[in-house]
Amino acid sequence: MTEPITKLLASGIIKIAERPPQNPSGVAGAPFLTIPLIASDYEALTPAMWNAVYRAFGMPDRNVMVVADPEKTSTILDAFRGDARYRGGGCGVGFKGAVILHLDELTPLARAMGAVNIVKNAPAGHLTGDNTDGEGFARAIEQRFLARDTSLQGKHILILGAGETAVPIGAAVARHGAEVTFLNRTESKAEAAVEAVNQYLGYRAAIAGGRHLIPTFLPTADAVVAAIFDREDPAADAYSPLGEMARPVTAEAVAQNLAASMALLKSAKTDLIVTDVRLRREPPALVAQASALGLEAFDGKPMVVEQAIEAFWWLHGEMLERTGRTKAEVATIMREAAR
């Protein structure tokens, strides 16, 4: 009998992602599977990191990233439930919110954030969702502050965006003591993000505004985080999230955007930390500009690594602890695999 996940692949509802380094070419012969879902193909590091741990620990699992349409989420998860090989897996952009209505349970954090980035399958097909994105980012940026002999405590973190990645980031850095400002093109979404964060934490840790307030808030920020996610668009990727991102994308519009972005960066603190949490072949425009000015800047890779460590341990940790394995070992292996 053909397993449900194999049927999904044969039908084309899910397809093996081609661009993630070291992504396996199929699922045949794997006793257990973890399957990250992404809406568009990109250079994701998940398969390389997770499979490195599986090999090092002698686990019979295989992590295989697939591309699918979030509109097919119900069909996909029904098949996953019915396949004895499926242990769980990640939810990338497009699926973080889409899976929620089709899961059996959410952790309190995932429910409050309205986004899931990791799913766990119980033996009876009971699917639970959690979110490690925010904590992964907080750990990544905290390391930058610790290297300066300081911490997130009391820092002003300016977040551009208010979606399924931005909200968990805001909650996590606020939980580490930061003051958070969400700015978004649709101001009502920024207000909703603030409400979710403040309600989850139980105190007023965040404020909201529109993108027109970037010149007001950037000069006081200790870090600016661009967490604006669309499906990969090579033309739109030429823009910096600090400037206007006009449609259609033209060379003139890009030039104006980059000039405005550079002027804003020059108004910022000289020790500003800049990050765009997208993962691309080349550094995102904002990261490239900040680096050119000598500012500390990084893309989504540190967050991807740190959230993967948390997600892997949430999924497998209880079992691994019984064999004497530790989260620290997982972290060492994943960080090396992501280099």
C-alpha atoms as a PDB file:
ATOM      1  CA  MET A   1       0.000   0.000   0.000  1.00  0.00           C
ATOM      2  CA  THR A   2       1.347   3.451  -0.917  1.00  0.00           C
ATOM      3  CA  GLU A   3       1.812   5.747   2.072  1.00  0.00           C
ATOM      4  CA  PRO A   4      -0.193   9.027   2.131  1.00  0.00           C
ATOM      5  CA  ILE A   5       2.866  11.288   1.880  1.00  0.00           C
ATOM      6  CA  THR A   6       4.138   9.352  -1.129  1.00  0.00           C
ATOM      7  CA  LYS A   7       0.709   9.778  -2.725  1.00  0.00           C
ATOM      8  CA  LEU A   8       0.860  13.525  -2.108  1.00  0.00           C
ATOM      9  CA  LEU A   9       4.199  13.699  -3.891  1.00  0.00           C
ATOM     10  CA  ALA A  10       2.917  11.606  -6.802  1.00  0.00           C
ATOM     11  CA  SER A  11      -0.117  13.875  -7.155  1.00  0.00           C
ATOM     12  CA  GLY A  12       1.986  17.034  -7.220  1.00  0.00           C
ATOM     13  CA  ILE A  13       0.201  18.558  -4.240  1.00  0.00           C
ATOM     14  CA  ILE A  14       3.592  18.705  -2.546  1.00  0.00           C
ATOM     15  CA  LYS A  15       6.914  18.840  -4.392  1.00  0.00           C
ATOM     16  CA  ILE A  16      10.460  18.289  -3.159  1.00  0.00           C
ATOM     17  CA  ALA A  17      12.111  21.704  -2.757  1.00  0.00           C
ATOM     18  CA  GLU A  18      15.068  22.073  -5.107  1.00  0.00           C
ATOM     19  CA  ARG A  19      16.958  25.044  -3.683  1.00  0.00           C
ATOM     20  CA  PRO A  20      17.632  24.132  -0.031  1.00  0.00           C
ATOM     21  CA  PRO A  21      21.197  22.789   0.248  1.00  0.00           C
ATOM     22  CA  GLN A  22      21.360  19.050   0.945  1.00  0.00           C
ATOM     23  CA  ASN A  23      17.607  18.567   0.744  1.00  0.00           C
ATOM     24  CA  PRO A  24      16.959  14.847   0.098  1.00  0.00           C
ATOM     25  CA  SER A  25      15.538  13.969  -3.306  1.00  0.00           C
ATOM     26  CA  GLY A  26      12.697  11.875  -1.885  1.00  0.00           C
ATOM     27  CA  VAL A  27      11.120  10.102   1.064  1.00  0.00           C
ATOM     28  CA  ALA A  28      11.528   6.464   0.003  1.00  0.00           C
ATOM     29  CA  GLY A  29      13.273   4.227   2.522  1.00  0.00           C
ATOM     30  CA  ALA A  30      12.981   6.608   5.476  1.00  0.00           C
ATOM     31  CA  PRO A  31      11.369   4.989   8.554  1.00  0.00           C
ATOM     32  CA  PHE A  32      10.530   8.425   9.988  1.00  0.00           C
ATOM     33  CA  LEU A  33      10.039  11.820   8.371  1.00  0.00           C
ATOM     34  CA  THR A  34      10.017  15.448   9.422  1.00  0.00           C
ATOM     35  CA  ILE A  35       8.641  17.614   6.630  1.00  0.00           C
ATOM     36  CA  PRO A  36       8.956  21.408   6.542  1.00  0.00           C
ATOM     37  CA  LEU A  37       6.321  23.120   4.377  1.00  0.00           C
ATOM     38  CA  ILE A  38       7.209  26.217   2.354  1.00  0.00           C
ATOM     39  CA  ALA A  39       5.100  28.169  -0.114  1.00  0.00           C
ATOM     40  CA  SER A  40       7.963  29.034  -2.471  1.00  0.00           C
ATOM     41  CA  ASP A  41      11.357  27.464  -3.063  1.00  0.00           C
ATOM     42  CA  TYR A  42      14.384  29.164  -1.511  1.00  0.00           C
ATOM     43  CA  GLU A  43      17.784  28.414   0.029  1.00  0.00           C
ATOM     44  CA  ALA A  44      16.438  27.113   3.348  1.00  0.00           C
ATOM     45  CA  LEU A  45      18.953  25.591   5.766  1.00  0.00           C
ATOM     46  CA  THR A  46      16.524  23.314   7.615  1.00  0.00           C
ATOM     47  CA  PRO A  47      17.271  20.028   5.803  1.00  0.00           C
ATOM     48  CA  ALA A  48      21.031  20.464   6.153  1.00  0.00           C
ATOM     49  CA  MET A  49      20.796  21.239   9.881  1.00  0.00           C
ATOM     50  CA  TRP A  50      18.218  18.657  10.903  1.00  0.00           C
ATOM     51  CA  ASN A  51      19.729  15.834   8.837  1.00  0.00           C
ATOM     52  CA  ALA A  52      23.173  16.595  10.275  1.00  0.00           C
ATOM     53  CA  VAL A  53      21.795  15.945  13.763  1.00  0.00           C
ATOM     54  CA  TYR A  54      19.980  12.799  12.626  1.00  0.00           C
ATOM     55  CA  ARG A  55      23.241  11.421  11.193  1.00  0.00           C
ATOM     56  CA  ALA A  56      25.318  12.395  14.215  1.00  0.00           C
ATOM     57  CA  PHE A  57      22.876  10.790  16.643  1.00  0.00           C
ATOM     58  CA  GLY A  58      22.245   7.704  14.511  1.00  0.00           C
ATOM     59  CA  MET A  59      18.544   8.504  14.241  1.00  0.00           C
ATOM     60  CA  PRO A  60      16.548   6.839  11.429  1.00  0.00           C
ATOM     61  CA  ASP A  61      14.734  10.091  10.551  1.00  0.00           C
ATOM     62  CA  ARG A  62      14.985  12.164   7.391  1.00  0.00           C
ATOM     63  CA  ASN A  63      14.077  15.840   7.017  1.00  0.00           C
ATOM     64  CA  VAL A  64      12.663  16.595   3.566  1.00  0.00           C
ATOM     65  CA  MET A  65      11.514  20.117   2.698  1.00  0.00           C
ATOM     66  CA  VAL A  66       8.565  20.409   0.312  1.00  0.00           C
ATOM     67  CA  VAL A  67       6.900  23.228  -1.593  1.00  0.00           C
ATOM     68  CA  ALA A  68       3.124  23.458  -1.626  1.00  0.00           C
ATOM     69  CA  ASP A  69       0.160  25.807  -1.925  1.00  0.00           C
ATOM     70  CA  PRO A  70      -1.115  26.958   1.503  1.00  0.00           C
ATOM     71  CA  GLU A  71      -4.646  26.645   0.079  1.00  0.00           C
ATOM     72  CA  LYS A  72      -4.072  22.874   0.187  1.00  0.00           C
ATOM     73  CA  THR A  73      -3.163  22.841   3.894  1.00  0.00           C
ATOM     74  CA  SER A  74      -6.153  20.754   4.976  1.00  0.00           C
ATOM     75  CA  THR A  75      -5.442  18.048   2.396  1.00  0.00           C
ATOM     76  CA  ILE A  76      -1.737  18.026   3.241  1.00  0.00           C
ATOM     77  CA  LEU A  77      -2.184  17.723   6.999  1.00  0.00           C
ATOM     78  CA  ASP A  78      -4.827  15.015   6.617  1.00  0.00           C
ATOM     79  CA  ALA A  79      -2.282  12.980   4.649  1.00  0.00           C
ATOM     80  CA  PHE A  80       0.447  13.673   7.205  1.00  0.00           C
ATOM     81  CA  ARG A  81      -1.853  12.445   9.996  1.00  0.00           C
ATOM     82  CA  GLY A  82      -2.412   9.206   8.153  1.00  0.00           C
ATOM     83  CA  ASP A  83       1.249   8.431   7.498  1.00  0.00           C
ATOM     84  CA  ALA A  84       2.975   6.486  10.281  1.00  0.00           C
ATOM     85  CA  ARG A  85       6.351   7.899   9.219  1.00  0.00           C
ATOM     86  CA  TYR A  86       5.445  11.528   9.955  1.00  0.00           C
ATOM     87  CA  ARG A  87       6.859  12.852  13.244  1.00  0.00           C
ATOM     88  CA  GLY A  88       6.167  16.520  12.482  1.00  0.00           C
ATOM     89  CA  GLY A  89       7.908  19.356  10.704  1.00  0.00           C
ATOM     90  CA  GLY A  90       8.286  23.052  10.103  1.00  0.00           C
ATOM     91  CA  CYS A  91       5.934  25.665   8.685  1.00  0.00           C
ATOM     92  CA  GLY A  92       7.533  28.333   6.546  1.00  0.00           C
ATOM     93  CA  VAL A  93       6.181  31.592   5.199  1.00  0.00           C
ATOM     94  CA  GLY A  94       2.670  31.079   3.892  1.00  0.00           C
ATOM     95  CA  PHE A  95       1.983  28.161   6.218  1.00  0.00           C
ATOM     96  CA  LYS A  96       2.611  29.722   9.641  1.00  0.00           C
ATOM     97  CA  GLY A  97      -0.947  31.000   9.847  1.00  0.00           C
ATOM     98  CA  ALA A  98      -2.572  28.619   7.379  1.00  0.00           C
ATOM     99  CA  VAL A  99      -1.998  25.510   9.498  1.00  0.00           C
ATOM    100  CA  ILE A 100      -3.640  26.849  12.649  1.00  0.00           C
ATOM    101  CA  LEU A 101      -7.239  25.991  11.770  1.00  0.00           C
ATOM    102  CA  HIS A 102      -6.236  22.453  10.837  1.00  0.00           C
ATOM    103  CA  LEU A 103      -4.241  21.489  13.943  1.00  0.00           C
ATOM    104  CA  ASP A 104      -5.634  19.684  16.968  1.00  0.00           C
ATOM    105  CA  GLU A 105      -3.810  21.747  19.557  1.00  0.00           C
ATOM    106  CA  LEU A 106      -1.721  24.903  19.906  1.00  0.00           C
ATOM    107  CA  THR A 107       0.730  25.817  22.620  1.00  0.00           C
ATOM    108  CA  PRO A 108      -0.274  28.996  24.484  1.00  0.00           C
ATOM    109  CA  LEU A 109       2.489  30.913  22.701  1.00  0.00           C
ATOM    110  CA  ALA A 110       1.435  29.788  19.220  1.00  0.00           C
ATOM    111  CA  ARG A 111      -2.190  30.634  19.992  1.00  0.00           C
ATOM    112  CA  ALA A 112      -1.296  34.100  21.259  1.00  0.00           C
ATOM    113  CA  MET A 113       1.001  34.851  18.314  1.00  0.00           C
ATOM    114  CA  GLY A 114      -1.397  33.497  15.699  1.00  0.00           C
ATOM    115  CA  ALA A 115       1.458  31.679  13.993  1.00  0.00           C
ATOM    116  CA  VAL A 116       3.042  28.208  14.040  1.00  0.00           C
ATOM    117  CA  ASN A 117       6.503  27.307  12.784  1.00  0.00           C
ATOM    118  CA  ILE A 118       6.771  23.727  14.064  1.00  0.00           C
ATOM    119  CA  VAL A 119       4.246  20.865  14.251  1.00  0.00           C
ATOM    120  CA  LYS A 120       4.513  17.727  16.376  1.00  0.00           C
ATOM    121  CA  ASN A 121       2.626  14.525  15.563  1.00  0.00           C
ATOM    122  CA  ALA A 122       1.498  12.308  18.441  1.00  0.00           C
ATOM    123  CA  PRO A 123       1.139   8.586  17.718  1.00  0.00           C
ATOM    124  CA  ALA A 124      -2.622   8.881  17.184  1.00  0.00           C
ATOM    125  CA  GLY A 125      -2.282  11.605  14.551  1.00  0.00           C
ATOM    126  CA  HIS A 126      -2.833  14.425  17.042  1.00  0.00           C
ATOM    127  CA  LEU A 127      -1.054  17.482  15.623  1.00  0.00           C
ATOM    128  CA  THR A 128       0.210  20.204  17.952  1.00  0.00           C
ATOM    129  CA  GLY A 129       1.695  23.514  16.829  1.00  0.00           C
ATOM    130  CA  ASP A 130       4.278  25.685  18.556  1.00  0.00           C
ATOM    131  CA  ASN A 131       6.306  28.760  17.614  1.00  0.00           C
ATOM    132  CA  THR A 132      10.072  29.034  18.130  1.00  0.00           C
ATOM    133  CA  ASP A 133      10.678  31.879  15.640  1.00  0.00           C
ATOM    134  CA  GLY A 134      10.587  34.642  18.215  1.00  0.00           C
ATOM    135  CA  GLU A 135      12.840  32.958  20.753  1.00  0.00           C
ATOM    136  CA  GLY A 136      15.219  31.995  17.965  1.00  0.00           C
ATOM    137  CA  PHE A 137      15.514  35.612  16.885  1.00  0.00           C
ATOM    138  CA  ALA A 138      15.830  36.878  20.457  1.00  0.00           C
ATOM    139  CA  ARG A 139      18.702  34.485  21.109  1.00  0.00           C
ATOM    140  CA  ALA A 140      20.406  35.540  17.877  1.00  0.00           C
ATOM    141  CA  ILE A 141      20.271  39.274  18.570  1.00  0.00           C
ATOM    142  CA  GLU A 142      20.992  38.864  22.277  1.00  0.00           C
ATOM    143  CA  GLN A 143      24.306  37.287  21.294  1.00  0.00           C
ATOM    144  CA  ARG A 144      25.137  40.498  19.411  1.00  0.00           C
ATOM    145  CA  PHE A 145      24.421  42.649  22.451  1.00  0.00           C
ATOM    146  CA  LEU A 146      26.280  40.303  24.804  1.00  0.00           C
ATOM    147  CA  ALA A 147      29.354  40.659  22.588  1.00  0.00           C
ATOM    148  CA  ARG A 148      29.129  44.382  23.436  1.00  0.00           C
ATOM    149  CA  ASP A 149      28.900  43.632  27.171  1.00  0.00           C
ATOM    150  CA  THR A 150      25.226  44.594  27.287  1.00  0.00           C
ATOM    151  CA  SER A 151      21.869  42.870  26.706  1.00  0.00           C
ATOM    152  CA  LEU A 152      18.362  43.304  25.303  1.00  0.00           C
ATOM    153  CA  GLN A 153      17.216  44.758  28.614  1.00  0.00           C
ATOM    154  CA  GLY A 154      15.979  48.312  28.022  1.00  0.00           C
ATOM    155  CA  LYS A 155      16.905  48.341  24.328  1.00  0.00           C
ATOM    156  CA  HIS A 156      14.567  49.928  21.767  1.00  0.00           C
ATOM    157  CA  ILE A 157      13.813  47.416  19.002  1.00  0.00           C
ATOM    158  CA  LEU A 158      12.122  48.844  15.910  1.00  0.00           C
ATOM    159  CA  ILE A 159      10.259  46.176  13.937  1.00  0.00           C
ATOM    160  CA  LEU A 160       9.172  46.812  10.344  1.00  0.00           C
ATOM    161  CA  GLY A 161       6.214  44.533   9.643  1.00  0.00           C
ATOM    162  CA  ALA A 162       3.366  43.101  11.684  1.00  0.00           C
ATOM    163  CA  GLY A 163       2.811  39.641  10.272  1.00  0.00           C
ATOM    164  CA  GLU A 164       3.303  36.040  11.282  1.00  0.00           C
ATOM    165  CA  THR A 165       7.067  36.429  11.754  1.00  0.00           C
ATOM    166  CA  ALA A 166       7.155  39.951  13.168  1.00  0.00           C
ATOM    167  CA  VAL A 167       4.732  39.327  16.041  1.00  0.00           C
ATOM    168  CA  PRO A 168       6.628  36.395  17.642  1.00  0.00           C
ATOM    169  CA  ILE A 169       9.870  38.361  17.293  1.00  0.00           C
ATOM    170  CA  GLY A 170       8.318  41.317  19.082  1.00  0.00           C
ATOM    171  CA  ALA A 171       6.972  39.168  21.899  1.00  0.00           C
ATOM    172  CA  ALA A 172      10.292  37.388  22.412  1.00  0.00           C
ATOM    173  CA  VAL A 173      12.538  40.454  22.510  1.00  0.00           C
ATOM    174  CA  ALA A 174      10.038  42.169  24.828  1.00  0.00           C
ATOM    175  CA  ARG A 175      10.140  39.112  27.088  1.00  0.00           C
ATOM    176  CA  HIS A 176      13.916  39.629  27.225  1.00  0.00           C
ATOM    177  CA  GLY A 177      13.370  43.199  28.452  1.00  0.00           C
ATOM    178  CA  ALA A 178      13.323  45.237  25.237  1.00  0.00           C
ATOM    179  CA  GLU A 179      10.961  48.071  24.361  1.00  0.00           C
ATOM    180  CA  VAL A 180       9.303  47.342  21.009  1.00  0.00           C
ATOM    181  CA  THR A 181       7.858  49.541  18.265  1.00  0.00           C
ATOM    182  CA  PHE A 182       5.927  47.979  15.376  1.00  0.00           C
ATOM    183  CA  LEU A 183       5.652  50.076  12.204  1.00  0.00           C
ATOM    184  CA  ASN A 184       3.623  48.773   9.283  1.00  0.00           C
ATOM    185  CA  ARG A 185       2.155  50.065   6.035  1.00  0.00           C
ATOM    186  CA  THR A 186      -1.310  49.088   7.291  1.00  0.00           C
ATOM    187  CA  GLU A 187      -1.301  50.699  10.712  1.00  0.00           C
ATOM    188  CA  SER A 188      -4.221  48.607  11.977  1.00  0.00           C
ATOM    189  CA  LYS A 189      -2.065  45.484  11.560  1.00  0.00           C
ATOM    190  CA  ALA A 190       0.664  47.074  13.662  1.00  0.00           C
ATOM    191  CA  GLU A 191      -1.951  47.852  16.317  1.00  0.00           C
ATOM    192  CA  ALA A 192      -3.147  44.231  16.228  1.00  0.00           C
ATOM    193  CA  ALA A 193       0.449  43.050  16.637  1.00  0.00           C
ATOM    194  CA  VAL A 194       0.890  45.285  19.673  1.00  0.00           C
ATOM    195  CA  GLU A 195      -2.345  44.040  21.197  1.00  0.00           C
ATOM    196  CA  ALA A 196      -1.234  40.406  20.749  1.00  0.00           C
ATOM    197  CA  VAL A 197       2.186  41.045  22.292  1.00  0.00           C
ATOM    198  CA  ASN A 198       0.956  43.146  25.210  1.00  0.00           C
ATOM    199  CA  GLN A 199      -1.876  40.765  26.003  1.00  0.00           C
ATOM    200  CA  TYR A 200       0.433  37.757  25.943  1.00  0.00           C
ATOM    201  CA  LEU A 201       3.010  39.399  28.200  1.00  0.00           C
ATOM    202  CA  GLY A 202       0.458  41.005  30.507  1.00  0.00           C
ATOM    203  CA  TYR A 203       1.995  44.477  30.378  1.00  0.00           C
ATOM    204  CA  ARG A 204       2.561  47.306  27.873  1.00  0.00           C
ATOM    205  CA  ALA A 205       5.791  46.335  26.148  1.00  0.00           C
ATOM    206  CA  ALA A 206       5.058  47.508  22.592  1.00  0.00           C
ATOM    207  CA  ILE A 207       3.603  50.441  20.673  1.00  0.00           C
ATOM    208  CA  ALA A 208       2.412  50.752  17.061  1.00  0.00           C
ATOM    209  CA  GLY A 209       2.480  53.172  14.168  1.00  0.00           C
ATOM    210  CA  GLY A 210       2.538  53.560  10.408  1.00  0.00           C
ATOM    211  CA  ARG A 211       5.584  53.434   8.151  1.00  0.00           C
ATOM    212  CA  HIS A 212       5.542  57.234   7.886  1.00  0.00           C
ATOM    213  CA  LEU A 213       6.967  57.246  11.430  1.00  0.00           C
ATOM    214  CA  ILE A 214      10.215  55.488  10.453  1.00  0.00           C
ATOM    215  CA  PRO A 215      12.150  58.820  10.423  1.00  0.00           C
ATOM    216  CA  THR A 216      10.825  59.516  13.925  1.00  0.00           C
ATOM    217  CA  PHE A 217      11.669  56.202  15.561  1.00  0.00           C
ATOM    218  CA  LEU A 218      14.808  55.052  13.724  1.00  0.00           C
ATOM    219  CA  PRO A 219      17.175  57.599  15.342  1.00  0.00           C
ATOM    220  CA  THR A 220      16.322  56.262  18.824  1.00  0.00           C
ATOM    221  CA  ALA A 221      16.416  52.573  17.918  1.00  0.00           C
ATOM    222  CA  ASP A 222      19.131  50.230  19.163  1.00  0.00           C
ATOM    223  CA  ALA A 223      18.173  47.669  16.508  1.00  0.00           C
ATOM    224  CA  VAL A 224      15.936  47.699  13.452  1.00  0.00           C
ATOM    225  CA  VAL A 225      14.376  44.421  12.356  1.00  0.00           C
ATOM    226  CA  ALA A 226      12.812  44.054   8.918  1.00  0.00           C
ATOM    227  CA  ALA A 227      10.302  41.207   9.112  1.00  0.00           C
ATOM    228  CA  ILE A 228       8.294  41.860   5.967  1.00  0.00           C
ATOM    229  CA  PHE A 229       7.625  38.589   4.200  1.00  0.00           C
ATOM    230  CA  ASP A 230       6.142  37.985   0.780  1.00  0.00           C
ATOM    231  CA  ARG A 231       6.800  35.075  -1.536  1.00  0.00           C
ATOM    232  CA  GLU A 232      10.201  35.581  -3.046  1.00  0.00           C
ATOM    233  CA  ASP A 233      10.136  38.332  -5.650  1.00  0.00           C
ATOM    234  CA  PRO A 234      13.574  39.053  -7.154  1.00  0.00           C
ATOM    235  CA  ALA A 235      12.460  42.516  -8.263  1.00  0.00           C
ATOM    236  CA  ALA A 236      10.929  43.543  -4.950  1.00  0.00           C
ATOM    237  CA  ASP A 237      13.921  42.082  -3.132  1.00  0.00           C
ATOM    238  CA  ALA A 238      15.948  44.946  -4.594  1.00  0.00           C
ATOM    239  CA  TYR A 239      14.126  47.300  -2.229  1.00  0.00           C
ATOM    240  CA  SER A 240      15.126  48.238   1.300  1.00  0.00           C
ATOM    241  CA  PRO A 241      12.211  47.980   3.752  1.00  0.00           C
ATOM    242  CA  LEU A 242      13.181  51.408   5.109  1.00  0.00           C
ATOM    243  CA  GLY A 243      12.084  53.161   1.917  1.00  0.00           C
ATOM    244  CA  GLU A 244       8.904  53.190  -0.143  1.00  0.00           C
ATOM    245  CA  MET A 245       8.430  49.948  -2.079  1.00  0.00           C
ATOM    246  CA  ALA A 246       6.471  51.112  -5.118  1.00  0.00           C
ATOM    247  CA  ARG A 247       4.703  48.907  -7.652  1.00  0.00           C
ATOM    248  CA  PRO A 248       5.477  48.261 -10.414  1.00  0.00           C
ATOM    249  CA  VAL A 249       9.142  47.772  -9.600  1.00  0.00           C
ATOM    250  CA  THR A 250      11.296  49.970 -11.831  1.00  0.00           C
ATOM    251  CA  ALA A 251      14.949  50.949 -11.810  1.00  0.00           C
ATOM    252  CA  GLU A 252      13.943  54.499 -10.894  1.00  0.00           C
ATOM    253  CA  ALA A 253      11.752  53.335  -8.013  1.00  0.00           C
ATOM    254  CA  VAL A 254      14.543  51.131  -6.677  1.00  0.00           C
ATOM    255  CA  ALA A 255      17.059  53.973  -6.902  1.00  0.00           C
ATOM    256  CA  GLN A 256      14.741  56.318  -4.999  1.00  0.00           C
ATOM    257  CA  ASN A 257      14.067  53.635  -2.395  1.00  0.00           C
ATOM    258  CA  LEU A 258      17.753  52.952  -1.793  1.00  0.00           C
ATOM    259  CA  ALA A 259      18.616  56.653  -1.600  1.00  0.00           C
ATOM    260  CA  ALA A 260      15.900  57.239   1.013  1.00  0.00           C
ATOM    261  CA  SER A 261      16.994  54.153   2.940  1.00  0.00           C
ATOM    262  CA  MET A 262      20.624  55.257   3.009  1.00  0.00           C
ATOM    263  CA  ALA A 263      19.655  58.718   4.261  1.00  0.00           C
ATOM    264  CA  LEU A 264      17.630  57.167   7.075  1.00  0.00           C
ATOM    265  CA  LEU A 265      20.462  54.836   8.069  1.00  0.00           C
ATOM    266  CA  LYS A 266      22.808  57.815   8.286  1.00  0.00           C
ATOM    267  CA  SER A 267      20.403  59.379  10.806  1.00  0.00           C
ATOM    268  CA  ALA A 268      20.618  56.319  13.092  1.00  0.00           C
ATOM    269  CA  LYS A 269      22.886  55.627  16.040  1.00  0.00           C
ATOM    270  CA  THR A 270      26.382  54.593  15.018  1.00  0.00           C
ATOM    271  CA  ASP A 271      26.001  51.371  17.010  1.00  0.00           C
ATOM    272  CA  LEU A 272      22.631  50.437  15.484  1.00  0.00           C
ATOM    273  CA  ILE A 273      22.150  46.730  14.770  1.00  0.00           C
ATOM    274  CA  VAL A 274      20.372  46.082  11.480  1.00  0.00           C
ATOM    275  CA  THR A 275      18.737  42.867  10.344  1.00  0.00           C
ATOM    276  CA  ASP A 276      16.436  41.734   7.579  1.00  0.00           C
ATOM    277  CA  VAL A 277      15.253  38.266   8.535  1.00  0.00           C
ATOM    278  CA  ARG A 278      14.764  37.067   4.981  1.00  0.00           C
ATOM    279  CA  LEU A 279      17.174  34.440   3.708  1.00  0.00           C
ATOM    280  CA  ARG A 280      18.395  35.122   0.185  1.00  0.00           C
ATOM    281  CA  ARG A 281      21.332  34.133  -2.018  1.00  0.00           C
ATOM    282  CA  GLU A 282      22.718  37.650  -1.680  1.00  0.00           C
ATOM    283  CA  PRO A 283      22.378  39.898   1.389  1.00  0.00           C
ATOM    284  CA  PRO A 284      19.063  41.819   1.381  1.00  0.00           C
ATOM    285  CA  ALA A 285      19.396  45.448   0.292  1.00  0.00           C
ATOM    286  CA  LEU A 286      18.991  46.825   3.818  1.00  0.00           C
ATOM    287  CA  VAL A 287      21.716  44.546   5.178  1.00  0.00           C
ATOM    288  CA  ALA A 288      24.051  45.465   2.330  1.00  0.00           C
ATOM    289  CA  GLN A 289      23.523  49.195   2.874  1.00  0.00           C
ATOM    290  CA  ALA A 290      24.014  48.968   6.637  1.00  0.00           C
ATOM    291  CA  SER A 291      27.196  46.948   6.201  1.00  0.00           C
ATOM    292  CA  ALA A 292      28.518  49.525   3.740  1.00  0.00           C
ATOM    293  CA  LEU A 293      28.067  52.181   6.434  1.00  0.00           C
ATOM    294  CA  GLY A 294      29.967  50.079   8.958  1.00  0.00           C
ATOM    295  CA  LEU A 295      26.890  49.146  10.973  1.00  0.00           C
ATOM    296  CA  GLU A 296      26.543  45.661  12.421  1.00  0.00           C
ATOM    297  CA  ALA A 297      24.126  43.874  10.096  1.00  0.00           C
ATOM    298  CA  PHE A 298      22.936  40.357   9.386  1.00  0.00           C
ATOM    299  CA  ASP A 299      20.266  38.486   7.455  1.00  0.00           C
ATOM    300  CA  GLY A 300      17.916  35.726   8.571  1.00  0.00           C
ATOM    301  CA  LYS A 301      20.540  33.029   9.004  1.00  0.00           C
ATOM    302  CA  PRO A 302      21.208  33.465  12.759  1.00  0.00           C
ATOM    303  CA  MET A 303      17.478  33.416  13.488  1.00  0.00           C
ATOM    304  CA  VAL A 304      16.969  30.356  11.288  1.00  0.00           C
ATOM    305  CA  VAL A 305      19.679  28.464  13.151  1.00  0.00           C
ATOM    306  CA  GLU A 306      18.528  29.414  16.651  1.00  0.00           C
ATOM    307  CA  GLN A 307      14.840  28.733  16.013  1.00  0.00           C
ATOM    308  CA  ALA A 308      15.763  25.377  14.445  1.00  0.00           C
ATOM    309  CA  ILE A 309      17.612  24.351  17.614  1.00  0.00           C
ATOM    310  CA  GLU A 310      14.541  25.202  19.692  1.00  0.00           C
ATOM    311  CA  ALA A 311      12.153  23.479  17.275  1.00  0.00           C
ATOM    312  CA  PHE A 312      14.246  20.317  17.032  1.00  0.00           C
ATOM    313  CA  TRP A 313      14.446  20.035  20.801  1.00  0.00           C
ATOM    314  CA  TRP A 314      10.698  20.668  21.218  1.00  0.00           C
ATOM    315  CA  LEU A 315      10.005  17.846  18.782  1.00  0.00           C
ATOM    316  CA  HIS A 316      12.663  15.302  19.833  1.00  0.00           C
ATOM    317  CA  GLY A 317      14.066  16.488  23.162  1.00  0.00           C
ATOM    318  CA  GLU A 318      12.102  14.271  25.532  1.00  0.00           C
ATOM    319  CA  MET A 319      13.171  11.164  23.633  1.00  0.00           C
ATOM    320  CA  LEU A 320      16.780  12.293  23.244  1.00  0.00           C
ATOM    321  CA  GLU A 321      17.200  13.134  26.915  1.00  0.00           C
ATOM    322  CA  ARG A 322      16.528   9.493  27.726  1.00  0.00           C
ATOM    323  CA  THR A 323      19.553   8.567  25.609  1.00  0.00           C
ATOM    324  CA  GLY A 324      21.799  11.155  27.286  1.00  0.00           C
ATOM    325  CA  ARG A 325      21.746  13.658  24.423  1.00  0.00           C
ATOM    326  CA  THR A 326      21.582  17.392  25.142  1.00  0.00           C
ATOM    327  CA  LYS A 327      20.282  20.519  23.448  1.00  0.00           C
ATOM    328  CA  ALA A 328      23.830  21.878  23.537  1.00  0.00           C
ATOM    329  CA  GLU A 329      24.933  19.007  21.301  1.00  0.00           C
ATOM    330  CA  VAL A 330      22.110  19.781  18.878  1.00  0.00           C
ATOM    331  CA  ALA A 331      23.160  23.437  18.829  1.00  0.00           C
ATOM    332  CA  THR A 332      26.787  22.631  18.062  1.00  0.00           C
ATOM    333  CA  ILE A 333      25.882  20.312  15.183  1.00  0.00           C
ATOM    334  CA  MET A 334      23.323  22.674  13.653  1.00  0.00           C
ATOM    335  CA  ARG A 335      25.568  25.726  13.816  1.00  0.00           C
ATOM    336  CA  GLU A 336      28.348  23.813  12.089  1.00  0.00           C
ATOM    337  CA  ALA A 337      25.975  22.480   9.409  1.00  0.00           C
ATOM    338  CA  ALA A 338      24.687  25.994   8.676  1.00  0.00           C
ATOM    339  CA  ARG A 339      28.131  27.475   7.975  1.00  0.00           C
END
